[in-house]
PDB file of N, CA and C in Angstrom:
ATOM      1  N   UNK A   1      36.937-146.504 -31.971  1.00  0.00           N
ATOM      2  CA  UNK A   1      38.193-146.131 -32.497  1.00  0.00           C
ATOM      3  C   UNK A   1      39.093-146.819 -33.374  1.00  0.00           C
ATOM      4  N   UNK A   2      38.240-147.894 -33.127  1.00  0.00           N
ATOM      5  CA  UNK A   2      38.626-148.796 -34.725  1.00  0.00           C
ATOM      6  C   UNK A   2      38.893-148.742 -36.319  1.00  0.00           C
ATOM      7  N   UNK A   3      38.770-147.530 -36.394  1.00  0.00           N
ATOM      8  CA  UNK A   3      38.545-146.694 -37.771  1.00  0.00           C
ATOM      9  C   UNK A   3      40.295-146.117 -38.141  1.00  0.00           C
ATOM     10  N   UNK A   4      40.477-146.053 -36.556  1.00  0.00           N
ATOM     11  CA  UNK A   4      41.954-144.700 -36.470  1.00  0.00           C
ATOM     12  C   UNK A   4      43.135-145.941 -35.985  1.00  0.00           C
ATOM     13  N   UNK A   5      43.622-146.117 -37.222  1.00  0.00           N
ATOM     14  CA  UNK A   5      44.726-146.841 -36.839  1.00  0.00           C
ATOM     15  C   UNK A   5      45.880-146.514 -37.467  1.00  0.00           C
ATOM     16  N   UNK A   6      46.415-146.247 -38.742  1.00  0.00           N
ATOM     17  CA  UNK A   6      47.786-145.970 -38.912  1.00  0.00           C
ATOM     18  C   UNK A   6      47.191-144.591 -40.594  1.00  0.00           C
ATOM     19  N   UNK A   7      47.429-143.814 -38.964  1.00  0.00           N
ATOM     20  CA  UNK A   7      46.672-142.026 -39.915  1.00  0.00           C
ATOM     21  C   UNK A   7      47.101-140.849 -39.373  1.00  0.00           C
ATOM     22  N   UNK A   8      48.023-140.163 -40.327  1.00  0.00           N
ATOM     23  CA  UNK A   8      49.097-139.441 -40.365  1.00  0.00           C
ATOM     24  C   UNK A   8      48.394-138.155 -40.503  1.00  0.00           C
ATOM     25  N   UNK A   9      47.931-136.049 -39.834  1.00  0.00           N
ATOM     26  CA  UNK A   9      47.378-135.524 -40.313  1.00  0.00           C
ATOM     27  C   UNK A   9      48.440-134.205 -40.668  1.00  0.00           C
ATOM     28  N   UNK A  10      48.689-133.635 -41.554  1.00  0.00           N
ATOM     29  CA  UNK A  10      50.253-132.403 -41.293  1.00  0.00           C
ATOM     30  C   UNK A  10      49.639-131.321 -42.005  1.00  0.00           C
ATOM     31  N   UNK A  11      50.367-129.682 -41.686  1.00  0.00           N
ATOM     32  CA  UNK A  11      50.119-129.055 -42.537  1.00  0.00           C
ATOM     33  C   UNK A  11      51.561-128.200 -42.155  1.00  0.00           C
ATOM     34  N   UNK A  12      51.990-128.611 -43.244  1.00  0.00           N
ATOM     35  CA  UNK A  12      53.222-127.279 -43.740  1.00  0.00           C
ATOM     36  C   UNK A  12      54.359-126.957 -45.098  1.00  0.00           C
ATOM     37  N   UNK A  13      54.900-126.364 -45.348  1.00  0.00           N
ATOM     38  CA  UNK A  13      55.592-126.240 -46.083  1.00  0.00           C
ATOM     39  C   UNK A  13      56.443-127.042 -46.839  1.00  0.00           C
ATOM     40  N   UNK A  14      55.967-127.348 -48.624  1.00  0.00           N
ATOM     41  CA  UNK A  14      57.442-128.154 -49.024  1.00  0.00           C
ATOM     42  C   UNK A  14      58.358-127.860 -49.009  1.00  0.00           C
ATOM     43  N   UNK A  15      59.458-128.307 -48.602  1.00  0.00           N
ATOM     44  CA  UNK A  15      60.424-127.940 -49.060  1.00  0.00           C
ATOM     45  C   UNK A  15      61.350-127.688 -50.884  1.00  0.00           C
ATOM     46  N   UNK A  16      60.714-128.653 -51.157  1.00  0.00           N
ATOM     47  CA  UNK A  16      61.286-128.500 -53.126  1.00  0.00           C
ATOM     48  C   UNK A  16      60.179-128.655 -53.943  1.00  0.00           C
ATOM     49  N   UNK A  17      59.776-128.464 -55.448  1.00  0.00           N
ATOM     50  CA  UNK A  17      59.079-129.173 -56.329  1.00  0.00           C
ATOM     51  C   UNK A  17      59.013-130.763 -56.001  1.00  0.00           C
ATOM     52  N   UNK A  18      57.381-131.240 -56.205  1.00  0.00           N
ATOM     53  CA  UNK A  18      57.935-132.974 -55.738  1.00  0.00           C
ATOM     54  C   UNK A  18      58.640-133.230 -57.369  1.00  0.00           C
ATOM     55  N   UNK A  19      59.212-134.600 -57.332  1.00  0.00           N
ATOM     56  CA  UNK A  19      59.838-134.924 -57.939  1.00  0.00           C
ATOM     57  C   UNK A  19      59.469-136.129 -58.202  1.00  0.00           C
ATOM     58  N   UNK A  20      59.302-136.488 -59.874  1.00  0.00           N
ATOM     59  CA  UNK A  20      58.659-137.320 -60.438  1.00  0.00           C
ATOM     60  C   UNK A  20      59.016-138.544 -60.950  1.00  0.00           C
ATOM     61  N   UNK A  21      58.859-139.306 -60.477  1.00  0.00           N
ATOM     62  CA  UNK A  21      59.663-140.716 -61.670  1.00  0.00           C
ATOM     63  C   UNK A  21      57.905-141.196 -62.339  1.00  0.00           C
ATOM     64  N   UNK A  22      58.246-141.846 -63.278  1.00  0.00           N
ATOM     65  CA  UNK A  22      57.153-142.440 -63.979  1.00  0.00           C
ATOM     66  C   UNK A  22      57.710-143.771 -65.119  1.00  0.00           C
ATOM     67  N   UNK A  23      56.848-144.251 -64.671  1.00  0.00           N
ATOM     68  CA  UNK A  23      57.053-146.089 -63.936  1.00  0.00           C
ATOM     69  C   UNK A  23      56.058-146.428 -65.686  1.00  0.00           C
ATOM     70  N   UNK A  24      56.673-148.527 -65.743  1.00  0.00           N
ATOM     71  CA  UNK A  24      55.771-148.490 -67.012  1.00  0.00           C
ATOM     72  C   UNK A  24      54.181-147.867 -66.835  1.00  0.00           C
ATOM     73  N   UNK A  25      53.694-148.411 -68.029  1.00  0.00           N
ATOM     74  CA  UNK A  25      51.856-148.064 -68.213  1.00  0.00           C
ATOM     75  C   UNK A  25      51.078-146.581 -67.232  1.00  0.00           C
ATOM     76  N   UNK A  26      53.312-145.711 -67.471  1.00  0.00           N
ATOM     77  CA  UNK A  26      52.200-144.337 -67.318  1.00  0.00           C
ATOM     78  C   UNK A  26      51.909-144.293 -65.659  1.00  0.00           C
ATOM     79  N   UNK A  27      52.517-144.955 -64.972  1.00  0.00           N
ATOM     80  CA  UNK A  27      52.125-145.258 -63.686  1.00  0.00           C
ATOM     81  C   UNK A  27      52.899-144.011 -63.105  1.00  0.00           C
ATOM     82  N   UNK A  28      52.853-142.783 -62.044  1.00  0.00           N
ATOM     83  CA  UNK A  28      53.857-141.665 -61.570  1.00  0.00           C
ATOM     84  C   UNK A  28      53.790-142.104 -60.174  1.00  0.00           C
ATOM     85  N   UNK A  29      55.095-141.553 -59.470  1.00  0.00           N
ATOM     86  CA  UNK A  29      54.896-141.699 -57.967  1.00  0.00           C
ATOM     87  C   UNK A  29      55.787-140.052 -57.792  1.00  0.00           C
ATOM     88  N   UNK A  30      55.542-139.648 -57.081  1.00  0.00           N
ATOM     89  CA  UNK A  30      56.561-138.165 -56.212  1.00  0.00           C
ATOM     90  C   UNK A  30      56.705-138.499 -54.647  1.00  0.00           C
ATOM     91  N   UNK A  31      58.147-138.000 -55.080  1.00  0.00           N
ATOM     92  CA  UNK A  31      58.368-137.427 -53.701  1.00  0.00           C
ATOM     93  C   UNK A  31      58.599-136.412 -53.310  1.00  0.00           C
ATOM     94  N   UNK A  32      58.140-135.998 -52.095  1.00  0.00           N
ATOM     95  CA  UNK A  32      58.276-135.028 -51.356  1.00  0.00           C
ATOM     96  C   UNK A  32      58.736-134.694 -50.295  1.00  0.00           C
ATOM     97  N   UNK A  33      58.846-133.593 -49.628  1.00  0.00           N
ATOM     98  CA  UNK A  33      60.133-133.127 -48.160  1.00  0.00           C
ATOM     99  C   UNK A  33      59.094-132.091 -48.065  1.00  0.00           C
ATOM    100  N   UNK A  34      58.691-132.095 -46.403  1.00  0.00           N
ATOM    101  CA  UNK A  34      56.845-131.389 -45.779  1.00  0.00           C
ATOM    102  C   UNK A  34      58.039-130.659 -45.093  1.00  0.00           C
ATOM    103  N   UNK A  35      57.772-129.567 -44.375  1.00  0.00           N
ATOM    104  CA  UNK A  35      58.585-128.712 -43.538  1.00  0.00           C
ATOM    105  C   UNK A  35      57.755-128.884 -42.446  1.00  0.00           C
ATOM    106  N   UNK A  36      57.142-128.864 -41.234  1.00  0.00           N
ATOM    107  CA  UNK A  36      56.064-128.812 -40.314  1.00  0.00           C
ATOM    108  C   UNK A  36      56.829-127.707 -39.396  1.00  0.00           C
ATOM    109  N   UNK A  37      56.367-126.692 -38.693  1.00  0.00           N
ATOM    110  CA  UNK A  37      57.102-125.838 -37.820  1.00  0.00           C
ATOM    111  C   UNK A  37      56.427-126.062 -36.480  1.00  0.00           C
ATOM    112  N   UNK A  38      56.932-125.601 -35.803  1.00  0.00           N
ATOM    113  CA  UNK A  38      56.311-125.802 -34.329  1.00  0.00           C
ATOM    114  C   UNK A  38      57.124-124.515 -32.829  1.00  0.00           C
ATOM    115  N   UNK A  39      56.736-123.606 -32.285  1.00  0.00           N
ATOM    116  CA  UNK A  39      56.836-122.809 -31.616  1.00  0.00           C
ATOM    117  C   UNK A  39      56.289-123.089 -30.673  1.00  0.00           C
ATOM    118  N   UNK A  40      57.191-122.694 -29.211  1.00  0.00           N
ATOM    119  CA  UNK A  40      56.333-123.000 -27.537  1.00  0.00           C
ATOM    120  C   UNK A  40      57.797-122.214 -26.685  1.00  0.00           C
ATOM    121  N   UNK A  41      57.730-121.793 -26.108  1.00  0.00           N
ATOM    122  CA  UNK A  41      58.228-120.939 -24.517  1.00  0.00           C
ATOM    123  C   UNK A  41      59.071-122.209 -24.193  1.00  0.00           C
ATOM    124  N   UNK A  42      60.746-121.965 -23.996  1.00  0.00           N
ATOM    125  CA  UNK A  42      60.824-123.048 -22.730  1.00  0.00           C
ATOM    126  C   UNK A  42      60.597-122.294 -21.070  1.00  0.00           C
ATOM    127  N   UNK A  43      61.662-123.426 -20.292  1.00  0.00           N
ATOM    128  CA  UNK A  43      61.314-123.404 -19.365  1.00  0.00           C
ATOM    129  C   UNK A  43      62.050-121.865 -18.799  1.00  0.00           C
ATOM    130  N   UNK A  44      62.660-121.339 -19.141  1.00  0.00           N
ATOM    131  CA  UNK A  44      63.464-120.051 -18.976  1.00  0.00           C
ATOM    132  C   UNK A  44      62.145-118.794 -19.665  1.00  0.00           C
ATOM    133  N   UNK A  45      61.324-118.987 -20.547  1.00  0.00           N
ATOM    134  CA  UNK A  45      60.719-118.043 -21.041  1.00  0.00           C
ATOM    135  C   UNK A  45      60.938-117.792 -22.798  1.00  0.00           C
ATOM    136  N   UNK A  46      61.636-118.169 -23.202  1.00  0.00           N
ATOM    137  CA  UNK A  46      61.987-118.100 -24.575  1.00  0.00           C
ATOM    138  C   UNK A  46      61.302-118.422 -25.673  1.00  0.00           C
ATOM    139  N   UNK A  47      61.168-118.021 -26.755  1.00  0.00           N
ATOM    140  CA  UNK A  47      60.250-119.195 -27.973  1.00  0.00           C
ATOM    141  C   UNK A  47      61.625-119.442 -28.386  1.00  0.00           C
ATOM    142  N   UNK A  48      61.646-120.805 -28.549  1.00  0.00           N
ATOM    143  CA  UNK A  48      62.226-121.932 -29.361  1.00  0.00           C
ATOM    144  C   UNK A  48      60.751-122.142 -30.442  1.00  0.00           C
ATOM    145  N   UNK A  49      61.992-122.616 -31.726  1.00  0.00           N
ATOM    146  CA  UNK A  49      61.187-122.845 -32.958  1.00  0.00           C
ATOM    147  C   UNK A  49      61.529-124.097 -33.200  1.00  0.00           C
ATOM    148  N   UNK A  50      61.258-124.972 -33.881  1.00  0.00           N
ATOM    149  CA  UNK A  50      61.324-126.471 -34.334  1.00  0.00           C
ATOM    150  C   UNK A  50      60.870-126.662 -35.764  1.00  0.00           C
ATOM    151  N   UNK A  51      61.745-127.083 -36.817  1.00  0.00           N
ATOM    152  CA  UNK A  51      61.311-127.621 -37.247  1.00  0.00           C
ATOM    153  C   UNK A  51      61.282-129.593 -37.863  1.00  0.00           C
ATOM    154  N   UNK A  52      60.204-129.872 -38.267  1.00  0.00           N
ATOM    155  CA  UNK A  52      60.512-131.831 -38.040  1.00  0.00           C
ATOM    156  C   UNK A  52      60.383-131.228 -39.639  1.00  0.00           C
ATOM    157  N   UNK A  53      61.106-131.924 -40.067  1.00  0.00           N
ATOM    158  CA  UNK A  53      61.230-132.989 -41.738  1.00  0.00           C
ATOM    159  C   UNK A  53      60.203-134.144 -42.442  1.00  0.00           C
ATOM    160  N   UNK A  54      59.141-134.108 -43.003  1.00  0.00           N
ATOM    161  CA  UNK A  54      59.137-135.922 -43.304  1.00  0.00           C
ATOM    162  C   UNK A  54      59.106-136.303 -45.100  1.00  0.00           C
ATOM    163  N   UNK A  55      59.301-136.750 -45.130  1.00  0.00           N
ATOM    164  CA  UNK A  55      59.130-137.592 -46.171  1.00  0.00           C
ATOM    165  C   UNK A  55      58.093-137.955 -46.804  1.00  0.00           C
ATOM    166  N   UNK A  56      57.241-137.351 -48.014  1.00  0.00           N
ATOM    167  CA  UNK A  56      56.002-137.631 -48.424  1.00  0.00           C
ATOM    168  C   UNK A  56      56.119-138.852 -49.766  1.00  0.00           C
ATOM    169  N   UNK A  57      55.228-139.495 -50.121  1.00  0.00           N
ATOM    170  CA  UNK A  57      54.888-140.549 -51.169  1.00  0.00           C
ATOM    171  C   UNK A  57      53.748-139.690 -52.030  1.00  0.00           C
ATOM    172  N   UNK A  58      53.394-139.141 -53.008  1.00  0.00           N
ATOM    173  CA  UNK A  58      52.365-139.840 -53.802  1.00  0.00           C
ATOM    174  C   UNK A  58      51.857-140.917 -55.099  1.00  0.00           C
ATOM    175  N   UNK A  59      50.828-141.148 -55.037  1.00  0.00           N
ATOM    176  CA  UNK A  59      51.583-141.906 -56.216  1.00  0.00           C
ATOM    177  C   UNK A  59      50.393-141.590 -57.347  1.00  0.00           C
ATOM    178  N   UNK A  60      50.112-142.573 -58.810  1.00  0.00           N
ATOM    179  CA  UNK A  60      49.307-142.038 -59.538  1.00  0.00           C
ATOM    180  C   UNK A  60      48.607-140.732 -59.493  1.00  0.00           C
ATOM    181  N   UNK A  61      47.064-140.828 -59.648  1.00  0.00           N
ATOM    182  CA  UNK A  61      46.370-139.067 -59.442  1.00  0.00           C
ATOM    183  C   UNK A  61      47.200-138.602 -58.032  1.00  0.00           C
ATOM    184  N   UNK A  62      47.429-138.660 -57.506  1.00  0.00           N
ATOM    185  CA  UNK A  62      48.004-137.502 -56.592  1.00  0.00           C
ATOM    186  C   UNK A  62      49.066-137.331 -56.838  1.00  0.00           C
ATOM    187  N   UNK A  63      50.091-138.406 -57.432  1.00  0.00           N
ATOM    188  CA  UNK A  63      51.078-137.887 -58.193  1.00  0.00           C
ATOM    189  C   UNK A  63      51.272-136.713 -59.119  1.00  0.00           C
ATOM    190  N   UNK A  64      50.135-137.212 -59.949  1.00  0.00           N
ATOM    191  CA  UNK A  64      50.230-135.953 -60.976  1.00  0.00           C
ATOM    192  C   UNK A  64      49.808-134.323 -60.793  1.00  0.00           C
ATOM    193  N   UNK A  65      48.248-134.963 -59.420  1.00  0.00           N
ATOM    194  CA  UNK A  65      48.335-133.845 -58.831  1.00  0.00           C
ATOM    195  C   UNK A  65      49.361-132.832 -58.357  1.00  0.00           C
ATOM    196  N   UNK A  66      50.403-133.724 -57.742  1.00  0.00           N
ATOM    197  CA  UNK A  66      51.596-132.707 -56.871  1.00  0.00           C
ATOM    198  C   UNK A  66      52.217-132.379 -58.713  1.00  0.00           C
ATOM    199  N   UNK A  67      52.469-133.108 -58.880  1.00  0.00           N
ATOM    200  CA  UNK A  67      53.591-132.342 -60.419  1.00  0.00           C
ATOM    201  C   UNK A  67      52.770-131.012 -61.079  1.00  0.00           C
ATOM    202  N   UNK A  68      51.534-131.290 -60.949  1.00  0.00           N
ATOM    203  CA  UNK A  68      50.785-129.633 -62.464  1.00  0.00           C
ATOM    204  C   UNK A  68      51.112-128.956 -61.293  1.00  0.00           C
ATOM    205  N   UNK A  69      49.874-128.750 -59.601  1.00  0.00           N
ATOM    206  CA  UNK A  69      50.026-127.507 -58.961  1.00  0.00           C
ATOM    207  C   UNK A  69      51.333-127.897 -57.960  1.00  0.00           C
ATOM    208  N   UNK A  70      51.860-128.613 -57.077  1.00  0.00           N
ATOM    209  CA  UNK A  70      52.521-128.186 -56.374  1.00  0.00           C
ATOM    210  C   UNK A  70      54.083-127.575 -56.418  1.00  0.00           C
ATOM    211  N   UNK A  71      54.491-126.490 -56.058  1.00  0.00           N
ATOM    212  CA  UNK A  71      55.987-125.644 -56.276  1.00  0.00           C
ATOM    213  C   UNK A  71      56.322-126.114 -54.392  1.00  0.00           C
ATOM    214  N   UNK A  72      57.765-125.831 -54.835  1.00  0.00           N
ATOM    215  CA  UNK A  72      58.689-125.163 -53.226  1.00  0.00           C
ATOM    216  C   UNK A  72      58.321-124.236 -52.835  1.00  0.00           C
ATOM    217  N   UNK A  73      57.812-124.602 -51.257  1.00  0.00           N
ATOM    218  CA  UNK A  73      57.248-123.170 -50.374  1.00  0.00           C
ATOM    219  C   UNK A  73      55.689-123.510 -50.305  1.00  0.00           C
ATOM    220  N   UNK A  74      55.148-123.865 -51.229  1.00  0.00           N
ATOM    221  CA  UNK A  74      54.204-123.926 -51.076  1.00  0.00           C
ATOM    222  C   UNK A  74      53.051-124.727 -49.710  1.00  0.00           C
ATOM    223  N   UNK A  75      52.254-123.438 -49.074  1.00  0.00           N
ATOM    224  CA  UNK A  75      51.523-124.721 -47.838  1.00  0.00           C
ATOM    225  C   UNK A  75      50.931-125.849 -48.454  1.00  0.00           C
ATOM    226  N   UNK A  76      50.251-126.938 -47.412  1.00  0.00           N
ATOM    227  CA  UNK A  76      49.439-127.366 -47.935  1.00  0.00           C
ATOM    228  C   UNK A  76      49.444-128.595 -46.910  1.00  0.00           C
ATOM    229  N   UNK A  77      48.303-129.340 -46.711  1.00  0.00           N
ATOM    230  CA  UNK A  77      47.622-129.693 -45.656  1.00  0.00           C
ATOM    231  C   UNK A  77      47.514-131.331 -45.870  1.00  0.00           C
ATOM    232  N   UNK A  78      48.103-132.327 -45.484  1.00  0.00           N
ATOM    233  CA  UNK A  78      47.961-133.591 -46.448  1.00  0.00           C
ATOM    234  C   UNK A  78      47.681-134.974 -45.284  1.00  0.00           C
ATOM    235  N   UNK A  79      47.232-135.921 -45.447  1.00  0.00           N
ATOM    236  CA  UNK A  79      46.806-137.298 -44.783  1.00  0.00           C
ATOM    237  C   UNK A  79      47.040-138.613 -45.692  1.00  0.00           C
ATOM    238  N   UNK A  80      47.780-139.637 -44.457  1.00  0.00           N
ATOM    239  CA  UNK A  80      48.348-140.184 -44.937  1.00  0.00           C
ATOM    240  C   UNK A  80      48.572-141.261 -44.148  1.00  0.00           C
ATOM    241  N   UNK A  81      49.429-142.487 -44.504  1.00  0.00           N
ATOM    242  CA  UNK A  81      49.952-143.747 -43.183  1.00  0.00           C
ATOM    243  C   UNK A  81      51.217-143.635 -43.483  1.00  0.00           C
ATOM    244  N   UNK A  82      51.522-144.170 -41.902  1.00  0.00           N
ATOM    245  CA  UNK A  82      53.285-144.081 -42.168  1.00  0.00           C
ATOM    246  C   UNK A  82      53.750-145.601 -42.255  1.00  0.00           C
ATOM    247  N   UNK A  83      54.676-145.329 -43.352  1.00  0.00           N
ATOM    248  CA  UNK A  83      55.500-146.411 -43.444  1.00  0.00           C
ATOM    249  C   UNK A  83      57.147-146.708 -43.202  1.00  0.00           C
ATOM    250  N   UNK A  84      57.596-147.746 -42.466  1.00  0.00           N
ATOM    251  CA  UNK A  84      58.441-148.049 -41.876  1.00  0.00           C
ATOM    252  C   UNK A  84      59.537-148.551 -43.687  1.00  0.00           C
ATOM    253  N   UNK A  85      60.311-148.211 -43.894  1.00  0.00           N
ATOM    254  CA  UNK A  85      61.359-148.989 -45.001  1.00  0.00           C
ATOM    255  C   UNK A  85      63.266-148.866 -43.871  1.00  0.00           C
ATOM    256  N   UNK A  86      63.453-150.346 -44.402  1.00  0.00           N
ATOM    257  CA  UNK A  86      64.740-150.975 -43.593  1.00  0.00           C
ATOM    258  C   UNK A  86      66.269-150.694 -44.987  1.00  0.00           C
ATOM    259  N   UNK A  87      66.731-150.865 -44.934  1.00  0.00           N
ATOM    260  CA  UNK A  87      67.716-150.562 -45.920  1.00  0.00           C
ATOM    261  C   UNK A  87      69.347-150.751 -45.669  1.00  0.00           C
ATOM    262  N   UNK A  88      69.813-150.957 -46.376  1.00  0.00           N
ATOM    263  CA  UNK A  88      71.751-150.555 -45.835  1.00  0.00           C
ATOM    264  C   UNK A  88      72.112-149.811 -46.750  1.00  0.00           C
ATOM    265  N   UNK A  89      72.862-148.661 -45.502  1.00  0.00           N
ATOM    266  CA  UNK A  89      73.475-147.125 -46.661  1.00  0.00           C
ATOM    267  C   UNK A  89      74.283-148.239 -47.381  1.00  0.00           C
ATOM    268  N   UNK A  90      75.756-146.733 -47.873  1.00  0.00           N
ATOM    269  CA  UNK A  90      76.915-147.254 -48.699  1.00  0.00           C
ATOM    270  C   UNK A  90      77.694-148.453 -47.724  1.00  0.00           C
ATOM    271  N   UNK A  91      77.557-147.078 -46.458  1.00  0.00           N
ATOM    272  CA  UNK A  91      79.073-148.408 -45.307  1.00  0.00           C
ATOM    273  C   UNK A  91      78.647-149.253 -45.040  1.00  0.00           C
ATOM    274  N   UNK A  92      77.467-149.563 -45.281  1.00  0.00           N
ATOM    275  CA  UNK A  92      77.035-151.345 -45.156  1.00  0.00           C
ATOM    276  C   UNK A  92      75.940-151.135 -44.147  1.00  0.00           C
ATOM    277  N   UNK A  93      75.452-149.891 -43.372  1.00  0.00           N
ATOM    278  CA  UNK A  93      74.636-149.691 -41.662  1.00  0.00           C
ATOM    279  C   UNK A  93      73.545-149.858 -42.191  1.00  0.00           C
ATOM    280  N   UNK A  94      73.016-150.236 -41.262  1.00  0.00           N
ATOM    281  CA  UNK A  94      71.468-150.968 -41.635  1.00  0.00           C
ATOM    282  C   UNK A  94      70.910-149.555 -41.289  1.00  0.00           C
ATOM    283  N   UNK A  95      69.380-149.282 -41.930  1.00  0.00           N
ATOM    284  CA  UNK A  95      69.012-147.788 -41.762  1.00  0.00           C
ATOM    285  C   UNK A  95      67.709-147.924 -41.707  1.00  0.00           C
ATOM    286  N   UNK A  96      66.883-147.220 -40.887  1.00  0.00           N
ATOM    287  CA  UNK A  96      65.619-147.338 -41.145  1.00  0.00           C
ATOM    288  C   UNK A  96      64.478-145.595 -41.641  1.00  0.00           C
ATOM    289  N   UNK A  97      64.005-145.322 -42.443  1.00  0.00           N
ATOM    290  CA  UNK A  97      63.391-144.345 -42.946  1.00  0.00           C
ATOM    291  C   UNK A  97      61.970-144.784 -42.992  1.00  0.00           C
ATOM    292  N   UNK A  98      61.225-143.432 -42.825  1.00  0.00           N
ATOM    293  CA  UNK A  98      59.818-143.312 -42.509  1.00  0.00           C
ATOM    294  C   UNK A  98      59.646-142.832 -43.551  1.00  0.00           C
ATOM    295  N   UNK A  99      58.057-142.909 -44.702  1.00  0.00           N
ATOM    296  CA  UNK A  99      57.923-142.284 -44.993  1.00  0.00           C
ATOM    297  C   UNK A  99      56.201-142.286 -44.780  1.00  0.00           C
ATOM    298  N   UNK A 100      55.344-140.902 -45.566  1.00  0.00           N
ATOM    299  CA  UNK A 100      53.862-140.670 -45.073  1.00  0.00           C
ATOM    300  C   UNK A 100      53.471-141.168 -46.735  1.00  0.00           C
ATOM    301  N   UNK A 101      52.391-142.670 -46.628  1.00  0.00           N
ATOM    302  CA  UNK A 101      52.182-142.194 -48.217  1.00  0.00           C
ATOM    303  C   UNK A 101      50.488-141.255 -48.108  1.00  0.00           C
ATOM    304  N   UNK A 102      50.618-140.627 -48.735  1.00  0.00           N
ATOM    305  CA  UNK A 102      49.905-139.489 -49.054  1.00  0.00           C
ATOM    306  C   UNK A 102      48.372-140.217 -49.790  1.00  0.00           C
ATOM    307  N   UNK A 103      46.773-139.951 -48.920  1.00  0.00           N
ATOM    308  CA  UNK A 103      45.939-140.691 -49.413  1.00  0.00           C
ATOM    309  C   UNK A 103      45.201-139.172 -49.617  1.00  0.00           C
ATOM    310  N   UNK A 104      45.703-138.135 -49.156  1.00  0.00           N
ATOM    311  CA  UNK A 104      44.612-136.789 -49.376  1.00  0.00           C
ATOM    312  C   UNK A 104      45.673-135.168 -49.907  1.00  0.00           C
ATOM    313  N   UNK A 105      45.921-134.412 -50.362  1.00  0.00           N
ATOM    314  CA  UNK A 105      46.501-133.436 -50.720  1.00  0.00           C
ATOM    315  C   UNK A 105      45.756-131.557 -50.669  1.00  0.00           C
ATOM    316  N   UNK A 106      45.927-130.850 -49.976  1.00  0.00           N
ATOM    317  CA  UNK A 106      44.980-130.116 -49.508  1.00  0.00           C
ATOM    318  C   UNK A 106      45.573-128.401 -50.047  1.00  0.00           C
ATOM    319  N   UNK A 107      46.334-128.061 -50.635  1.00  0.00           N
ATOM    320  CA  UNK A 107      46.690-126.398 -51.174  1.00  0.00           C
ATOM    321  C   UNK A 107      45.687-125.782 -50.325  1.00  0.00           C
ATOM    322  N   UNK A 108      47.120-125.661 -49.834  1.00  0.00           N
ATOM    323  CA  UNK A 108      46.299-123.785 -48.602  1.00  0.00           C
ATOM    324  C   UNK A 108      46.862-122.784 -49.083  1.00  0.00           C
ATOM    325  N   UNK A 109      48.258-122.489 -49.607  1.00  0.00           N
ATOM    326  CA  UNK A 109      48.456-121.413 -50.254  1.00  0.00           C
ATOM    327  C   UNK A 109      48.266-120.865 -51.647  1.00  0.00           C
ATOM    328  N   UNK A 110      47.023-120.245 -51.902  1.00  0.00           N
ATOM    329  CA  UNK A 110      46.460-119.952 -53.339  1.00  0.00           C
ATOM    330  C   UNK A 110      47.447-119.381 -54.280  1.00  0.00           C
ATOM    331  N   UNK A 111      48.203-118.336 -53.685  1.00  0.00           N
ATOM    332  CA  UNK A 111      49.140-117.654 -54.150  1.00  0.00           C
ATOM    333  C   UNK A 111      50.086-118.673 -55.185  1.00  0.00           C
ATOM    334  N   UNK A 112      50.822-119.789 -54.514  1.00  0.00           N
ATOM    335  CA  UNK A 112      51.867-120.255 -55.253  1.00  0.00           C
ATOM    336  C   UNK A 112      51.421-121.232 -56.022  1.00  0.00           C
ATOM    337  N   UNK A 113      50.111-122.194 -55.743  1.00  0.00           N
ATOM    338  CA  UNK A 113      49.250-122.851 -56.511  1.00  0.00           C
ATOM    339  C   UNK A 113      49.184-122.457 -58.102  1.00  0.00           C
ATOM    340  N   UNK A 114      48.298-120.979 -58.227  1.00  0.00           N
ATOM    341  CA  UNK A 114      48.483-120.122 -59.048  1.00  0.00           C
ATOM    342  C   UNK A 114      49.884-120.086 -60.299  1.00  0.00           C
ATOM    343  N   UNK A 115      50.929-119.728 -59.545  1.00  0.00           N
ATOM    344  CA  UNK A 115      51.871-119.356 -60.194  1.00  0.00           C
ATOM    345  C   UNK A 115      52.605-120.858 -60.883  1.00  0.00           C
ATOM    346  N   UNK A 116      52.094-121.556 -60.737  1.00  0.00           N
ATOM    347  CA  UNK A 116      52.501-123.143 -61.145  1.00  0.00           C
ATOM    348  C   UNK A 116      52.020-122.809 -62.273  1.00  0.00           C
ATOM    349  N   UNK A 117      50.386-123.060 -62.096  1.00  0.00           N
ATOM    350  CA  UNK A 117      49.446-122.771 -63.418  1.00  0.00           C
ATOM    351  C   UNK A 117      49.753-121.756 -64.822  1.00  0.00           C
ATOM    352  N   UNK A 118      50.867-120.496 -64.180  1.00  0.00           N
ATOM    353  CA  UNK A 118      51.072-119.450 -65.027  1.00  0.00           C
ATOM    354  C   UNK A 118      52.693-119.854 -65.691  1.00  0.00           C
ATOM    355  N   UNK A 119      53.150-121.155 -65.174  1.00  0.00           N
ATOM    356  CA  UNK A 119      54.231-121.350 -65.923  1.00  0.00           C
ATOM    357  C   UNK A 119      54.460-121.378 -66.979  1.00  0.00           C
TER     358      UNK A 119
END
C-alpha cells in the first residue's frame, strides 16, 4: 500500500462552468466546484439525500481541457490529491480550506460535453 498515500477519486456534477485564470507564459489554472450526492436510509427508514461540495484545481493541460469541454452540470470522474490551505479572512479569522489538485478528469455525461463544442 505504499503507492496509495494522498489519493482521492470522486464522481459528481460540476456546480458551475470552470473559472479560468491565465498566468505568465500562458500557464492556465481552472477552479471548479464538484457536487457529490449520497443517498441512504436513516434509522426511521426514511431516505436522506446529502450533497457534499469539493473545490477542484486543475493546471496547464487539464485546465485547457476543462475550459474546452466542461460545463455546469456535466458529470465527471476525477482523481487527484488533497491540499490544505490556511488563510485569514476579511474579519481576521484564521481559516483552513481543502482543495483537490486534479490529476485526471473523465467526462461521464456525453450530451453536456458535446454541447460545449457546438457553442
